[in-house]
Amino acid sequence: MPGVDRRNVEMLREAYEHQVTELAERQRRLSEVSATAVSPRRELSVTVGPQGVITELKFLTSAYRRLAKNELSELVTRTIADARAKLTEELAEVMAPMMPPGMDVKAVLNGTVSAEQMAPDESKLPTLLRERLNRG
């Protein structure tokens, strides 16, 4: 029997090491994610980094000079929003394997998931943990 225990411990250790390695890789990828959006008429390009911060804003042509101030403002704002939406897609792709099955990763990233929705299904928790949670 002691051999079985050692094999189980070794399997658990290997699984743990694999998870740690996978998490480190996901964290690295999350820190490097960026997204770029180009305005519909190609006047403007916006790139955002991992936190949605603008890392580059380029006017691709001189067409923006013919826009009224409010049109230019709307163009910049809309293109930034498009870049951030693309970033959310990229982040969701990286994070999806780390999330519980069925979890809407984009909703989590956008902050539209309630704490109740994030909580694990209590019926799937180990009995001991479920009892402790119910005791308060």
Protein backbone atom coordinates (compact mmCIF):
# COMPACT_ATOMS: atom_id res chain seq x y z
CA MET A 1 0.00 0.00 0.00
CA PRO A 2 2.73 2.56 0.71
CA GLY A 3 3.74 2.35 -2.98
CA VAL A 4 0.23 3.36 -4.02
CA ASP A 5 0.37 6.37 -1.71
CA ARG A 6 3.72 7.46 -3.14
CA ARG A 7 2.40 7.16 -6.68
CA ASN A 8 -0.64 9.23 -5.77
CA VAL A 9 1.53 11.87 -4.12
CA GLU A 10 3.82 11.93 -7.16
CA MET A 11 0.84 12.27 -9.51
CA LEU A 12 -0.55 15.12 -7.41
CA ARG A 13 2.84 16.83 -7.35
CA GLU A 14 3.17 16.55 -11.13
CA ALA A 15 -0.37 17.88 -11.63
CA TYR A 16 0.38 20.79 -9.30
CA GLU A 17 3.63 21.61 -11.11
CA HIS A 18 1.81 21.50 -14.44
CA GLN A 19 -0.85 23.90 -13.13
CA VAL A 20 1.78 26.30 -11.79
CA THR A 21 3.62 26.24 -15.13
CA GLU A 22 0.36 26.78 -17.03
CA LEU A 23 -0.62 29.68 -14.75
CA ALA A 24 2.77 31.34 -15.21
CA GLU A 25 2.41 31.04 -18.99
CA ARG A 26 -1.11 32.53 -18.90
CA GLN A 27 0.11 35.40 -16.71
CA ARG A 28 2.92 36.09 -19.16
CA ARG A 29 0.49 36.09 -22.08
CA LEU A 30 -1.93 38.37 -20.21
CA SER A 31 0.86 40.88 -19.59
CA GLU A 32 1.70 40.95 -23.31
CA VAL A 33 -1.80 41.18 -24.79
CA SER A 34 -2.58 44.18 -26.96
CA ALA A 35 -5.17 45.02 -29.58
CA THR A 36 -5.37 47.49 -32.43
CA ALA A 37 -8.43 48.99 -34.09
CA VAL A 38 -8.55 51.07 -37.25
CA SER A 39 -11.36 53.52 -37.92
CA PRO A 40 -13.79 52.54 -40.72
CA ARG A 41 -12.35 55.03 -43.22
CA ARG A 42 -8.79 54.33 -42.07
CA GLU A 43 -8.11 57.80 -40.69
CA LEU A 44 -6.99 56.54 -37.30
CA SER A 45 -5.33 53.54 -35.64
CA VAL A 46 -5.45 52.93 -31.88
CA THR A 47 -3.53 50.26 -29.96
CA VAL A 48 -4.26 49.41 -26.33
CA GLY A 49 -2.19 47.35 -23.90
CA PRO A 50 -3.16 44.75 -21.28
CA GLN A 51 -5.03 47.15 -19.02
CA GLY A 52 -6.82 48.89 -21.89
CA VAL A 53 -4.38 51.81 -21.73
CA ILE A 54 -3.69 53.48 -25.06
CA THR A 55 -0.15 52.62 -26.11
CA GLU A 56 -0.31 54.11 -29.59
CA LEU A 57 -2.61 56.47 -31.46
CA LYS A 58 -1.79 57.19 -35.12
CA PHE A 59 -3.48 59.37 -37.68
CA LEU A 60 -2.98 57.31 -40.84
CA THR A 61 -3.93 60.02 -43.32
CA SER A 62 -4.59 63.74 -43.24
CA ALA A 63 -8.34 63.11 -43.65
CA TYR A 64 -8.90 63.79 -39.94
CA ARG A 65 -8.09 67.48 -40.59
CA ARG A 66 -11.33 67.86 -42.52
CA LEU A 67 -13.43 66.60 -39.62
CA ALA A 68 -15.31 68.94 -37.31
CA LYS A 69 -14.11 68.87 -33.69
CA ASN A 70 -17.08 66.80 -32.53
CA GLU A 71 -16.62 64.33 -35.43
CA LEU A 72 -12.93 63.94 -34.62
CA SER A 73 -13.72 63.44 -30.95
CA GLU A 74 -16.32 60.79 -31.82
CA LEU A 75 -13.91 59.08 -34.22
CA VAL A 76 -11.17 58.87 -31.58
CA THR A 77 -13.57 57.73 -28.85
CA ARG A 78 -15.20 55.07 -31.04
CA THR A 79 -11.85 53.73 -32.27
CA ILE A 80 -10.54 53.49 -28.70
CA ALA A 81 -13.70 51.60 -27.72
CA ASP A 82 -13.22 49.24 -30.68
CA ALA A 83 -9.61 48.56 -29.65
CA ARG A 84 -10.70 47.85 -26.07
CA ALA A 85 -13.43 45.50 -27.31
CA LYS A 86 -10.82 43.60 -29.33
CA LEU A 87 -8.61 43.51 -26.24
CA THR A 88 -11.45 41.95 -24.24
CA GLU A 89 -11.72 39.24 -26.91
CA GLU A 90 -7.97 38.56 -26.67
CA LEU A 91 -8.02 38.49 -22.86
CA ALA A 92 -11.04 36.18 -22.83
CA GLU A 93 -9.24 33.76 -25.13
CA VAL A 94 -6.22 33.63 -22.81
CA MET A 95 -8.30 33.38 -19.62
CA ALA A 96 -11.00 30.93 -20.75
CA PRO A 97 -9.03 27.77 -19.87
CA MET A 98 -8.56 29.06 -16.30
CA MET A 99 -12.25 29.76 -15.72
CA PRO A 100 -14.94 27.36 -14.53
CA PRO A 101 -16.85 25.61 -17.33
CA GLY A 102 -19.75 27.70 -18.57
CA MET A 103 -18.39 30.96 -17.15
CA ASP A 104 -18.85 33.94 -19.49
CA VAL A 105 -15.28 35.25 -19.45
CA LYS A 106 -16.18 38.44 -21.33
CA ALA A 107 -18.87 39.22 -18.76
CA VAL A 108 -16.30 38.72 -15.99
CA LEU A 109 -13.86 41.06 -17.75
CA ASN A 110 -16.58 43.66 -18.33
CA GLY A 111 -17.69 43.51 -14.69
CA THR A 112 -21.22 42.39 -15.50
CA VAL A 113 -21.10 39.16 -13.49
CA SER A 114 -22.46 39.23 -9.95
CA ALA A 115 -20.66 37.67 -7.00
CA GLU A 116 -23.39 35.03 -6.85
CA GLN A 117 -22.70 34.03 -10.44
CA MET A 118 -18.98 33.73 -9.69
CA ALA A 119 -19.52 31.51 -6.64
CA PRO A 120 -19.16 27.78 -7.24
CA ASP A 121 -22.25 25.59 -7.27
CA GLU A 122 -22.45 24.46 -3.63
CA SER A 123 -23.87 21.08 -4.62
CA LYS A 124 -20.55 20.31 -6.34
CA LEU A 125 -18.40 21.23 -3.34
CA PRO A 126 -16.98 18.52 -1.07
CA THR A 127 -19.37 17.70 1.79
CA LEU A 128 -16.99 18.94 4.50
CA LEU A 129 -16.54 22.31 2.79
CA ARG A 130 -20.28 22.65 2.13
CA GLU A 131 -21.02 21.98 5.82
CA ARG A 132 -18.47 24.58 6.92
CA LEU A 133 -19.90 27.19 4.56
CA ASN A 134 -23.43 26.55 5.81
CA ARG A 135 -22.34 27.02 9.44
CA GLY A 136 -21.29 30.57 8.59
